[in-house]
C-alpha atoms as a PDB file:
ATOM      1  CA  MET A   1     164.991  19.386  61.869  1.00  0.00           C
ATOM      2  CA  GLY A   2     162.999  22.534  60.361  1.00  0.00           C
ATOM      3  CA  ARG A   3     160.826  22.787  62.999  1.00  0.00           C
ATOM      4  CA  ALA A   4     163.635  23.176  65.548  1.00  0.00           C
ATOM      5  CA  ARG A   5     165.458  26.214  63.583  1.00  0.00           C
ATOM      6  CA  ALA A   6     161.825  27.851  63.590  1.00  0.00           C
ATOM      7  CA  PHE A   7     161.648  27.778  67.565  1.00  0.00           C
ATOM      8  CA  GLN A   8     165.460  29.207  68.143  1.00  0.00           C
ATOM      9  CA  PRO A   9     164.529  32.784  67.338  1.00  0.00           C
ATOM     10  CA  LEU A  10     161.836  32.887  69.811  1.00  0.00           C
ATOM     11  CA  GLN A  11     164.027  31.489  72.689  1.00  0.00           C
ATOM     12  CA  ARG A  12     166.614  34.302  71.787  1.00  0.00           C
ATOM     13  CA  ALA A  13     164.098  36.997  71.615  1.00  0.00           C
ATOM     14  CA  THR A  14     163.134  36.533  75.354  1.00  0.00           C
ATOM     15  CA  PRO A  15     166.245  37.837  77.114  1.00  0.00           C
ATOM     16  CA  LEU A  16     166.126  40.900  74.419  1.00  0.00           C
ATOM     17  CA  VAL A  17     162.503  41.481  75.600  1.00  0.00           C
ATOM     18  CA  SER A  18     163.747  41.651  79.038  1.00  0.00           C
ATOM     19  CA  ALA A  19     166.702  43.891  78.472  1.00  0.00           C
ATOM     20  CA  VAL A  20     164.310  46.237  76.574  1.00  0.00           C
ATOM     21  CA  ALA A  21     161.982  46.158  79.647  1.00  0.00           C
ATOM     22  CA  LEU A  22     164.715  46.838  81.947  1.00  0.00           C
ATOM     23  CA  VAL A  23     165.961  49.829  79.914  1.00  0.00           C
ATOM     24  CA  ALA A  24     162.550  51.342  79.859  1.00  0.00           C
ATOM     25  CA  LEU A  25     162.330  50.814  83.451  1.00  0.00           C
ATOM     26  CA  LEU A  26     165.668  52.633  84.216  1.00  0.00           C
ATOM     27  CA  ALA A  27     164.435  55.391  81.891  1.00  0.00           C
ATOM     28  CA  ALA A  28     161.054  55.825  83.795  1.00  0.00           C
ATOM     29  CA  CYS A  29     163.106  56.221  87.096  1.00  0.00           C
ATOM     30  CA  ASP A  30     165.224  58.759  85.486  1.00  0.00           C
ATOM     31  CA  ASN A  31     162.489  60.623  84.407  1.00  0.00           C
ATOM     32  CA  GLY A  32     160.813  60.716  87.911  1.00  0.00           C
ATOM     33  CA  ALA A  33     164.088  61.935  89.581  1.00  0.00           C
ATOM     34  CA  ASP A  34     163.951  64.799  87.050  1.00  0.00           C
ATOM     35  CA  SER A  35     160.243  65.609  87.814  1.00  0.00           C
ATOM     36  CA  SER A  36     160.711  65.498  91.641  1.00  0.00           C
ATOM     37  CA  GLY A  37     163.728  68.252  90.981  1.00  0.00           C
ATOM     38  CA  ALA A  38     161.458  70.461  88.847  1.00  0.00           C
ATOM     39  CA  VAL A  39     159.032  70.743  91.987  1.00  0.00           C
ATOM     40  CA  GLN A  40     161.642  71.463  94.208  1.00  0.00           C
ATOM     41  CA  THR A  41     163.053  74.541  92.260  1.00  0.00           C
ATOM     42  CA  PRO A  42     159.713  76.141  92.403  1.00  0.00           C
ATOM     43  CA  ALA A  43     159.230  75.351  96.074  1.00  0.00           C
ATOM     44  CA  GLY A  44     162.478  77.254  96.635  1.00  0.00           C
ATOM     45  CA  THR A  45     161.413  80.136  94.665  1.00  0.00           C
ATOM     46  CA  SER A  46     158.099  80.526  96.412  1.00  0.00           C
ATOM     47  CA  SER A  47     160.054  80.691  99.682  1.00  0.00           C
ATOM     48  CA  ARG A  48     162.364  83.515  98.453  1.00  0.00           C
ATOM     49  CA  THR A  49     159.406  85.382  97.187  1.00  0.00           C
ATOM     50  CA  THR A  50     157.726  85.190 100.644  1.00  0.00           C
ATOM     51  CA  GLU A  51     160.698  86.235 102.713  1.00  0.00           C
ATOM     52  CA  PRO A  52     161.228  89.891 100.788  1.00  0.00           C
ATOM     53  CA  GLY A  53     157.759  90.286 100.940  1.00  0.00           C
ATOM     54  CA  THR A  54     157.665  89.910 104.657  1.00  0.00           C
ATOM     55  CA  ALA A  55     160.486  92.119 104.714  1.00  0.00           C
ATOM     56  CA  GLY A  56     159.347  94.694 102.602  1.00  0.00           C
ATOM     57  CA  SER A  57     155.990  94.911 104.652  1.00  0.00           C
ATOM     58  CA  GLY A  58     157.987  94.639 107.839  1.00  0.00           C
ATOM     59  CA  LYS A  59     160.258  97.679 107.286  1.00  0.00           C
ATOM     60  CA  PRO A  60     157.206 100.228 106.442  1.00  0.00           C
ATOM     61  CA  THR A  61     155.416  99.261 109.474  1.00  0.00           C
ATOM     62  CA  THR A  62     158.746  99.478 111.636  1.00  0.00           C
ATOM     63  CA  GLU A  63     160.047 102.719 110.194  1.00  0.00           C
ATOM     64  CA  PRO A  64     157.040 104.845 110.540  1.00  0.00           C
ATOM     65  CA  SER A  65     156.810 103.671 114.151  1.00  0.00           C
ATOM     66  CA  THR A  66     160.310 105.031 114.740  1.00  0.00           C
ATOM     67  CA  ALA A  67     159.982 108.092 112.738  1.00  0.00           C
ATOM     68  CA  GLY A  68     156.434 108.585 115.057  1.00  0.00           C
ATOM     69  CA  THR A  69     158.667 108.106 118.221  1.00  0.00           C
ATOM     70  CA  GLY A  70     160.958 110.883 116.801  1.00  0.00           C
ATOM     71  CA  SER A  71     158.579 113.611 117.817  1.00  0.00           C
ATOM     72  CA  PRO A  72     158.013 112.256 121.294  1.00  0.00           C
ATOM     73  CA  ALA A  73     161.632 111.875 121.785  1.00  0.00           C
ATOM     74  CA  THR A  74     161.940 115.803 121.193  1.00  0.00           C
ATOM     75  CA  GLU A  75     159.167 116.579 123.367  1.00  0.00           C
ATOM     76  CA  SER A  76     160.560 114.321 126.224  1.00  0.00           C
ATOM     77  CA  THR A  77     164.152 116.278 125.990  1.00  0.00           C
ATOM     78  CA  GLY A  78     162.135 119.243 126.306  1.00  0.00           C
ATOM     79  CA  SER A  79     160.299 118.031 129.378  1.00  0.00           C
ATOM     80  CA  THR A  80     163.397 117.322 131.144  1.00  0.00           C
ATOM     81  CA  THR A  81     164.332 121.064 131.101  1.00  0.00           C
ATOM     82  CA  ARG A  82     161.173 123.120 131.032  1.00  0.00           C
ATOM     83  CA  CYS A  83     159.054 123.575 134.214  1.00  0.00           C
ATOM     84  CA  HIS A  84     155.613 122.543 133.684  1.00  0.00           C
ATOM     85  CA  THR A  85     152.624 123.968 135.515  1.00  0.00           C
ATOM     86  CA  SER A  86     152.196 121.016 137.579  1.00  0.00           C
ATOM     87  CA  GLU A  87     155.602 121.542 138.917  1.00  0.00           C
ATOM     88  CA  LEU A  88     155.434 125.193 139.814  1.00  0.00           C
ATOM     89  CA  ARG A  89     153.688 127.501 142.611  1.00  0.00           C
ATOM     90  CA  ALA A  90     152.398 130.890 141.352  1.00  0.00           C
ATOM     91  CA  ALA A  91     152.129 133.771 143.924  1.00  0.00           C
ATOM     92  CA  ILE A  92     152.003 137.394 143.892  1.00  0.00           C
ATOM     93  CA  GLY A  93     154.719 139.162 145.629  1.00  0.00           C
ATOM     94  CA  ARG A  94     154.817 142.578 147.447  1.00  0.00           C
ATOM     95  CA  PRO A  95     153.848 145.660 145.221  1.00  0.00           C
ATOM     96  CA  SER A  96     156.854 148.200 144.737  1.00  0.00           C
ATOM     97  CA  PRO A  97     156.191 151.830 144.278  1.00  0.00           C
ATOM     98  CA  GLY A  98     156.217 153.768 141.032  1.00  0.00           C
ATOM     99  CA  ALA A  99     155.224 157.267 139.749  1.00  0.00           C
ATOM    100  CA  GLY A 100     151.502 156.696 139.302  1.00  0.00           C
ATOM    101  CA  GLN A 101     152.396 153.153 138.600  1.00  0.00           C
ATOM    102  CA  ARG A 102     151.426 149.745 140.307  1.00  0.00           C
ATOM    103  CA  ASN A 103     154.013 147.065 140.090  1.00  0.00           C
ATOM    104  CA  PHE A 104     153.403 143.355 141.233  1.00  0.00           C
ATOM    105  CA  PRO A 105     155.874 140.595 140.820  1.00  0.00           C
ATOM    106  CA  ILE A 106     154.539 137.352 139.747  1.00  0.00           C
ATOM    107  CA  VAL A 107     156.686 134.698 141.551  1.00  0.00           C
ATOM    108  CA  LEU A 108     156.883 131.112 140.134  1.00  0.00           C
ATOM    109  CA  THR A 109     158.724 128.738 142.472  1.00  0.00           C
ATOM    110  CA  ASN A 110     159.754 125.082 141.481  1.00  0.00           C
ATOM    111  CA  THR A 111     158.208 122.686 143.452  1.00  0.00           C
ATOM    112  CA  ALA A 112     159.583 119.427 141.864  1.00  0.00           C
ATOM    113  CA  ASP A 113     162.461 117.340 142.734  1.00  0.00           C
ATOM    114  CA  ARG A 114     164.143 117.906 139.682  1.00  0.00           C
ATOM    115  CA  THR A 115     165.794 121.140 138.228  1.00  0.00           C
ATOM    116  CA  CYS A 116     164.021 122.668 135.361  1.00  0.00           C
ATOM    117  CA  THR A 117     163.877 126.080 133.362  1.00  0.00           C
ATOM    118  CA  VAL A 118     161.457 128.783 132.397  1.00  0.00           C
ATOM    119  CA  ARG A 119     162.065 131.419 129.488  1.00  0.00           C
ATOM    120  CA  GLY A 120     159.965 134.372 128.328  1.00  0.00           C
ATOM    121  CA  TYR A 121     156.907 135.799 129.202  1.00  0.00           C
ATOM    122  CA  PRO A 122     154.161 134.029 131.674  1.00  0.00           C
ATOM    123  CA  GLY A 123     150.353 134.484 130.661  1.00  0.00           C
ATOM    124  CA  ALA A 124     148.345 136.686 132.869  1.00  0.00           C
ATOM    125  CA  ALA A 125     144.403 137.422 133.107  1.00  0.00           C
ATOM    126  CA  PHE A 126     142.269 138.648 135.698  1.00  0.00           C
ATOM    127  CA  VAL A 127     138.991 136.716 136.264  1.00  0.00           C
ATOM    128  CA  ASP A 128     135.974 137.610 138.487  1.00  0.00           C
ATOM    129  CA  ALA A 129     134.121 134.943 140.724  1.00  0.00           C
ATOM    130  CA  SER A 130     132.467 133.184 137.863  1.00  0.00           C
ATOM    131  CA  GLY A 131     136.133 132.996 136.091  1.00  0.00           C
ATOM    132  CA  ARG A 132     135.235 135.332 133.329  1.00  0.00           C
ATOM    133  CA  GLN A 133     138.318 137.434 131.983  1.00  0.00           C
ATOM    134  CA  LEU A 134     138.159 141.077 133.151  1.00  0.00           C
ATOM    135  CA  GLY A 135     140.055 143.365 130.714  1.00  0.00           C
ATOM    136  CA  PRO A 136     142.068 142.317 127.731  1.00  0.00           C
ATOM    137  CA  ASP A 137     145.260 140.202 127.833  1.00  0.00           C
ATOM    138  CA  PRO A 138     148.349 142.088 129.176  1.00  0.00           C
ATOM    139  CA  LYS A 139     150.780 143.604 126.555  1.00  0.00           C
ATOM    140  CA  ARG A 140     154.196 142.253 126.746  1.00  0.00           C
ATOM    141  CA  SER A 141     157.046 144.567 127.322  1.00  0.00           C
ATOM    142  CA  ALA A 142     159.879 144.919 125.056  1.00  0.00           C
ATOM    143  CA  ASP A 143     162.498 142.800 127.147  1.00  0.00           C
ATOM    144  CA  THR A 144     165.018 140.222 126.100  1.00  0.00           C
ATOM    145  CA  PRO A 145     164.037 136.654 127.000  1.00  0.00           C
ATOM    146  CA  THR A 146     166.674 134.751 128.902  1.00  0.00           C
ATOM    147  CA  THR A 147     166.443 131.152 130.241  1.00  0.00           C
ATOM    148  CA  VAL A 148     166.321 131.067 134.121  1.00  0.00           C
ATOM    149  CA  THR A 149     167.411 127.641 135.524  1.00  0.00           C
ATOM    150  CA  LEU A 150     165.199 126.511 138.651  1.00  0.00           C
ATOM    151  CA  ALA A 151     166.780 124.155 141.030  1.00  0.00           C
ATOM    152  CA  PRO A 152     163.965 122.646 143.647  1.00  0.00           C
ATOM    153  CA  GLY A 153     162.870 125.266 145.946  1.00  0.00           C
ATOM    154  CA  ARG A 154     164.244 128.187 143.849  1.00  0.00           C
ATOM    155  CA  SER A 155     162.151 130.927 142.315  1.00  0.00           C
ATOM    156  CA  ALA A 156     161.946 133.268 139.182  1.00  0.00           C
ATOM    157  CA  TRP A 157     159.548 136.317 138.793  1.00  0.00           C
ATOM    158  CA  ALA A 158     157.951 138.487 136.088  1.00  0.00           C
ATOM    159  CA  GLY A 159     156.569 141.866 136.515  1.00  0.00           C
ATOM    160  CA  LEU A 160     152.949 143.017 136.285  1.00  0.00           C
ATOM    161  CA  THR A 161     152.417 146.812 135.818  1.00  0.00           C
ATOM    162  CA  PHE A 162     149.386 149.029 134.952  1.00  0.00           C
ATOM    163  CA  ALA A 163     148.871 152.660 135.724  1.00  0.00           C
ATOM    164  CA  SER A 164     147.082 153.559 139.002  1.00  0.00           C
ATOM    165  CA  PRO A 165     143.405 153.878 138.151  1.00  0.00           C
ATOM    166  CA  GLU A 166     142.911 156.608 140.418  1.00  0.00           C
ATOM    167  CA  ILE A 167     145.438 158.874 138.164  1.00  0.00           C
ATOM    168  CA  SER A 168     144.687 157.257 134.838  1.00  0.00           C
ATOM    169  CA  GLY A 169     140.828 157.461 135.166  1.00  0.00           C
ATOM    170  CA  ALA A 170     140.564 154.015 133.251  1.00  0.00           C
ATOM    171  CA  ARG A 171     137.205 152.121 134.058  1.00  0.00           C
ATOM    172  CA  THR A 172     138.037 149.639 136.769  1.00  0.00           C
ATOM    173  CA  ALA A 173     136.927 146.149 138.165  1.00  0.00           C
ATOM    174  CA  THR A 174     138.082 144.127 141.475  1.00  0.00           C
ATOM    175  CA  PRO A 175     139.066 140.733 140.403  1.00  0.00           C
ATOM    176  CA  LYS A 176     138.709 137.470 142.519  1.00  0.00           C
ATOM    177  CA  ALA A 177     141.995 136.167 141.175  1.00  0.00           C
ATOM    178  CA  LEU A 178     144.654 136.044 138.744  1.00  0.00           C
ATOM    179  CA  LEU A 179     145.072 133.484 136.283  1.00  0.00           C
ATOM    180  CA  VAL A 180     148.796 132.786 135.906  1.00  0.00           C
ATOM    181  CA  THR A 181     150.071 130.643 133.115  1.00  0.00           C
ATOM    182  CA  PRO A 182     153.847 129.602 132.923  1.00  0.00           C
ATOM    183  CA  PRO A 183     155.786 130.453 130.004  1.00  0.00           C
ATOM    184  CA  ASP A 184     155.371 127.667 127.086  1.00  0.00           C
ATOM    185  CA  GLU A 185     152.367 126.030 129.368  1.00  0.00           C
ATOM    186  CA  ARG A 186     148.708 125.840 128.637  1.00  0.00           C
ATOM    187  CA  ASP A 187     147.574 124.908 132.188  1.00  0.00           C
ATOM    188  CA  SER A 188     147.173 127.875 134.438  1.00  0.00           C
ATOM    189  CA  ILE A 189     147.541 128.611 138.168  1.00  0.00           C
ATOM    190  CA  GLU A 190     144.838 130.426 139.992  1.00  0.00           C
ATOM    191  CA  VAL A 191     146.417 133.149 142.621  1.00  0.00           C
ATOM    192  CA  ALA A 192     143.697 135.040 144.596  1.00  0.00           C
ATOM    193  CA  TRP A 193     143.891 138.934 143.812  1.00  0.00           C
ATOM    194  CA  THR A 194     143.787 140.889 147.006  1.00  0.00           C
ATOM    195  CA  ALA A 195     145.248 144.198 145.919  1.00  0.00           C
ATOM    196  CA  GLY A 196     142.107 145.647 144.871  1.00  0.00           C
ATOM    197  CA  ALA A 197     140.614 147.550 141.630  1.00  0.00           C
ATOM    198  CA  VAL A 198     142.535 147.120 138.232  1.00  0.00           C
ATOM    199  CA  PRO A 199     141.955 148.898 135.145  1.00  0.00           C
ATOM    200  CA  VAL A 200     139.814 146.829 132.470  1.00  0.00           C
ATOM    201  CA  ALA A 201     138.903 149.673 129.682  1.00  0.00           C
ATOM    202  CA  GLY A 202     139.237 153.318 129.029  1.00  0.00           C
ATOM    203  CA  ASN A 203     142.155 155.459 128.783  1.00  0.00           C
ATOM    204  CA  GLU A 204     145.391 154.134 130.155  1.00  0.00           C
ATOM    205  CA  SER A 205     143.877 150.603 130.923  1.00  0.00           C
ATOM    206  CA  SER A 206     146.737 148.385 129.316  1.00  0.00           C
ATOM    207  CA  VAL A 207     148.337 146.020 131.697  1.00  0.00           C
ATOM    208  CA  PHE A 208     151.888 144.817 131.093  1.00  0.00           C
ATOM    209  CA  VAL A 209     153.849 141.686 131.881  1.00  0.00           C
ATOM    210  CA  THR A 210     157.761 141.244 131.624  1.00  0.00           C
ATOM    211  CA  VAL A 211     159.908 138.350 130.992  1.00  0.00           C
ATOM    212  CA  VAL A 212     160.747 136.059 133.809  1.00  0.00           C
ATOM    213  CA  GLN A 213     164.015 136.775 135.798  1.00  0.00           C
ATOM    214  CA  PRO A 214     165.854 135.051 138.631  1.00  0.00           C
ATOM    215  CA  GLY A 215     164.743 135.691 142.110  1.00  0.00           C
ATOM    216  CA  THR A 216     161.376 136.859 143.772  1.00  0.00           C
ATOM    217  CA  GLY A 217     161.080 140.452 142.748  1.00  0.00           C
ATOM    218  CA  GLY A 218     161.371 141.536 146.396  1.00  0.00           C
END
């Protein structure tokens, strides 16, 4: 009987050990679930950090590009109104008589299929056969510039004036051409000069140019 009592506690301990093992297993599962949640949180944080970084780097790249197109947009607006050299034909009209003066109209005609404008003073330079400029640049007359609108085929003109060399006694040269630069343009148009000698140095050798105005100056 004594031996039977000694074995009874061992039989009761077996379910207890199993229960403890089950509790430990459940606890391990709970810890695994918490660990998985902890990994997901940094992953979510990493994703949010990358997206603002991409957006931030995207904005500086895009904004300077837009700002950069602001200037060309302004140039484009100007180009829809101002006449460009490639859209104009230049000619020298008939001289008009003056007291001791020689006066020539520089005529600019719109050859484009759009309406454009000219305003201010054209550039003018006498050149020889080699393209070398003869004399200084013309001086500008004291005129008030106005904007001249040129429909296709219409013209504007500016006056080119200088004292007659026979009267002024200025040193002269006979140019091959007159280079005409439309207002606000850089490219010139070469126009053959057939009106003889022009003053290039000495007394009363200045050449003057006026602002453009509508018409042909005839």
